[in-house]
C-alpha atoms as a PDB file:
ATOM      1  CA  MET A   1      71.884 197.805-186.246  1.00  0.00           C
ATOM      2  CA  LEU A   2      74.856 195.805-185.055  1.00  0.00           C
ATOM      3  CA  VAL A   3      75.011 193.441-188.028  1.00  0.00           C
ATOM      4  CA  ASP A   4      77.501 194.306-190.766  1.00  0.00           C
ATOM      5  CA  LYS A   5      76.653 191.356-192.993  1.00  0.00           C
ATOM      6  CA  PHE A   6      73.461 189.365-193.564  1.00  0.00           C
ATOM      7  CA  VAL A   7      71.480 187.472-196.188  1.00  0.00           C
ATOM      8  CA  ILE A   8      67.892 187.899-197.282  1.00  0.00           C
ATOM      9  CA  HIS A   9      66.460 184.590-198.398  1.00  0.00           C
ATOM     10  CA  GLY A  10      63.783 185.099-201.007  1.00  0.00           C
ATOM     11  CA  LYS A  11      63.266 184.224-204.647  1.00  0.00           C
ATOM     12  CA  LYS A  12      67.044 184.063-204.609  1.00  0.00           C
ATOM     13  CA  ASP A  13      69.502 185.043-201.913  1.00  0.00           C
ATOM     14  CA  ILE A  14      70.644 188.648-201.673  1.00  0.00           C
ATOM     15  CA  TYR A  15      73.767 189.406-199.668  1.00  0.00           C
ATOM     16  CA  ILE A  16      74.117 192.686-197.817  1.00  0.00           C
ATOM     17  CA  GLU A  17      77.441 193.812-196.427  1.00  0.00           C
ATOM     18  CA  LYS A  18      78.706 197.009-194.860  1.00  0.00           C
ATOM     19  CA  LEU A  19      81.597 198.587-196.719  1.00  0.00           C
ATOM     20  CA  ASN A  20      82.873 201.814-195.183  1.00  0.00           C
ATOM     21  CA  ASP A  21      79.812 204.017-194.478  1.00  0.00           C
ATOM     22  CA  ASN A  22      77.396 202.337-196.895  1.00  0.00           C
ATOM     23  CA  TYR A  23      75.906 198.929-197.442  1.00  0.00           C
ATOM     24  CA  VAL A  24      76.135 196.976-200.665  1.00  0.00           C
ATOM     25  CA  LEU A  25      73.449 194.592-201.891  1.00  0.00           C
ATOM     26  CA  TYR A  26      74.886 191.830-204.015  1.00  0.00           C
ATOM     27  CA  ASP A  27      72.922 189.522-206.275  1.00  0.00           C
ATOM     28  CA  PRO A  28      75.337 186.680-207.102  1.00  0.00           C
ATOM     29  CA  ILE A  29      73.139 185.284-209.882  1.00  0.00           C
ATOM     30  CA  ALA A  30      72.554 188.507-211.823  1.00  0.00           C
ATOM     31  CA  LEU A  31      75.982 189.825-210.744  1.00  0.00           C
ATOM     32  CA  GLU A  32      74.404 193.139-209.713  1.00  0.00           C
ATOM     33  CA  TYR A  33      75.424 195.520-206.960  1.00  0.00           C
ATOM     34  CA  HIS A  34      73.270 198.206-205.362  1.00  0.00           C
ATOM     35  CA  ASN A  35      74.375 200.699-202.717  1.00  0.00           C
ATOM     36  CA  ILE A  36      72.044 201.599-199.860  1.00  0.00           C
ATOM     37  CA  ASN A  37      72.441 203.660-196.731  1.00  0.00           C
ATOM     38  CA  GLU A  38      72.283 202.423-193.147  1.00  0.00           C
ATOM     39  CA  ILE A  39      68.552 203.059-192.794  1.00  0.00           C
ATOM     40  CA  GLY A  40      67.833 201.032-195.920  1.00  0.00           C
ATOM     41  CA  ALA A  41      70.063 198.240-194.600  1.00  0.00           C
ATOM     42  CA  ASN A  42      68.166 198.323-191.306  1.00  0.00           C
ATOM     43  CA  ILE A  43      64.843 197.985-193.121  1.00  0.00           C
ATOM     44  CA  LEU A  44      66.110 195.010-195.113  1.00  0.00           C
ATOM     45  CA  TYR A  45      67.635 193.397-192.038  1.00  0.00           C
ATOM     46  CA  TYR A  46      64.366 193.665-190.109  1.00  0.00           C
ATOM     47  CA  LEU A  47      62.541 192.288-193.139  1.00  0.00           C
ATOM     48  CA  SER A  48      64.970 189.362-193.234  1.00  0.00           C
ATOM     49  CA  GLN A  49      63.982 188.708-189.605  1.00  0.00           C
ATOM     50  CA  ASN A  50      60.288 188.625-190.652  1.00  0.00           C
ATOM     51  CA  LEU A  51      59.317 191.694-188.644  1.00  0.00           C
ATOM     52  CA  SER A  52      55.941 193.180-189.512  1.00  0.00           C
ATOM     53  CA  LEU A  53      55.651 196.730-190.809  1.00  0.00           C
ATOM     54  CA  PRO A  54      54.554 198.111-187.403  1.00  0.00           C
ATOM     55  CA  MET A  55      57.520 196.367-185.735  1.00  0.00           C
ATOM     56  CA  ILE A  56      59.972 197.690-188.329  1.00  0.00           C
ATOM     57  CA  VAL A  57      58.639 201.214-187.854  1.00  0.00           C
ATOM     58  CA  GLN A  58      58.721 200.931-184.055  1.00  0.00           C
ATOM     59  CA  THR A  59      62.283 199.592-184.117  1.00  0.00           C
ATOM     60  CA  LEU A  60      63.435 202.405-186.403  1.00  0.00           C
ATOM     61  CA  GLN A  61      61.729 204.955-184.157  1.00  0.00           C
ATOM     62  CA  GLU A  62      63.875 203.724-181.269  1.00  0.00           C
ATOM     63  CA  SER A  63      67.008 204.703-183.225  1.00  0.00           C
ATOM     64  CA  TYR A  64      65.847 207.799-185.104  1.00  0.00           C
ATOM     65  CA  GLU A  65      63.728 210.733-184.009  1.00  0.00           C
ATOM     66  CA  VAL A  66      60.780 210.453-186.373  1.00  0.00           C
ATOM     67  CA  ASP A  67      57.044 210.100-185.866  1.00  0.00           C
ATOM     68  CA  TYR A  68      55.254 206.863-186.697  1.00  0.00           C
ATOM     69  CA  GLU A  69      53.440 207.930-189.879  1.00  0.00           C
ATOM     70  CA  GLU A  70      56.496 209.637-191.355  1.00  0.00           C
ATOM     71  CA  CYS A  71      58.635 206.590-190.617  1.00  0.00           C
ATOM     72  CA  LYS A  72      56.041 204.195-192.050  1.00  0.00           C
ATOM     73  CA  ALA A  73      55.807 206.256-195.240  1.00  0.00           C
ATOM     74  CA  ALA A  74      59.605 206.267-195.613  1.00  0.00           C
ATOM     75  CA  VAL A  75      59.822 202.485-195.122  1.00  0.00           C
ATOM     76  CA  LEU A  76      57.114 201.868-197.718  1.00  0.00           C
ATOM     77  CA  GLU A  77      58.709 204.289-200.171  1.00  0.00           C
ATOM     78  CA  PHE A  78      62.057 202.517-199.765  1.00  0.00           C
ATOM     79  CA  LEU A  79      60.484 199.091-200.338  1.00  0.00           C
ATOM     80  CA  GLU A  80      58.493 200.351-203.314  1.00  0.00           C
ATOM     81  CA  GLU A  81      61.548 201.806-205.038  1.00  0.00           C
ATOM     82  CA  ILE A  82      64.243 199.265-204.203  1.00  0.00           C
ATOM     83  CA  PRO A  83      65.421 197.544-207.406  1.00  0.00           C
ATOM     84  CA  ILE A  84      65.400 194.086-205.782  1.00  0.00           C
ATOM     85  CA  ARG A  85      61.769 194.166-204.646  1.00  0.00           C
ATOM     86  CA  TYR A  86      60.812 191.290-206.943  1.00  0.00           C
ATOM     87  CA  ILE A  87      63.472 189.160-205.246  1.00  0.00           C
ATOM     88  CA  ILE A  88      62.311 189.891-201.688  1.00  0.00           C
ATOM     89  CA  TYR A  89      58.597 189.693-202.484  1.00  0.00           C
ATOM     90  CA  HIS A  90      58.338 186.405-200.582  1.00  0.00           C
ATOM     91  CA  ASN A  91      59.488 188.249-197.447  1.00  0.00           C
ATOM     92  CA  LEU A  92      56.982 191.027-198.100  1.00  0.00           C
ATOM     93  CA  ILE A  93      54.196 188.458-198.398  1.00  0.00           C
ATOM     94  CA  GLN A  94      55.237 186.607-195.221  1.00  0.00           C
ATOM     95  CA  THR A  95      55.000 189.817-193.220  1.00  0.00           C
ATOM     96  CA  ASP A  96      51.892 191.197-194.991  1.00  0.00           C
ATOM     97  CA  ILE A  97      53.857 194.302-196.000  1.00  0.00           C
ATOM     98  CA  TYR A  98      52.923 193.636-199.624  1.00  0.00           C
ATOM     99  CA  LEU A  99      49.382 194.778-198.752  1.00  0.00           C
ATOM    100  CA  GLU A 100      50.755 198.306-198.225  1.00  0.00           C
ATOM    101  CA  LEU A 101      52.546 198.405-201.600  1.00  0.00           C
ATOM    102  CA  PRO A 102      51.252 198.750-205.158  1.00  0.00           C
ATOM    103  CA  PRO A 103      49.049 197.318-206.475  1.00  0.00           C
ATOM    104  CA  PHE A 104      47.438 196.541-203.095  1.00  0.00           C
ATOM    105  CA  LEU A 105      47.994 199.859-201.235  1.00  0.00           C
ATOM    106  CA  GLY A 106      46.566 199.108-197.822  1.00  0.00           C
ATOM    107  CA  GLY A 107      43.850 196.794-199.032  1.00  0.00           C
ATOM    108  CA  LYS A 108      43.607 194.553-195.947  1.00  0.00           C
END
């Protein structure tokens, strides 16, 4: 990913910025910070661009040597566990990724 700073527009805006080797998520309303690694930042950036789950996985596969199912599982695990999921849920709905997360779990 070539972007060192971006915003995810959702329930409220979340700002992501690269600081040294990590990325920091900043919620200016709750005044909360969360650190994530580059892969997590990539996932959030692609989500901010409204990429579907298959496109996010395919794009990550171009940068990292990982098979499709393993990559998909890692992306979903990240999105399930990220503390700001409730804020980015609008993005997850727009891209239908929410259907792969609890409580829906692949219920297309």
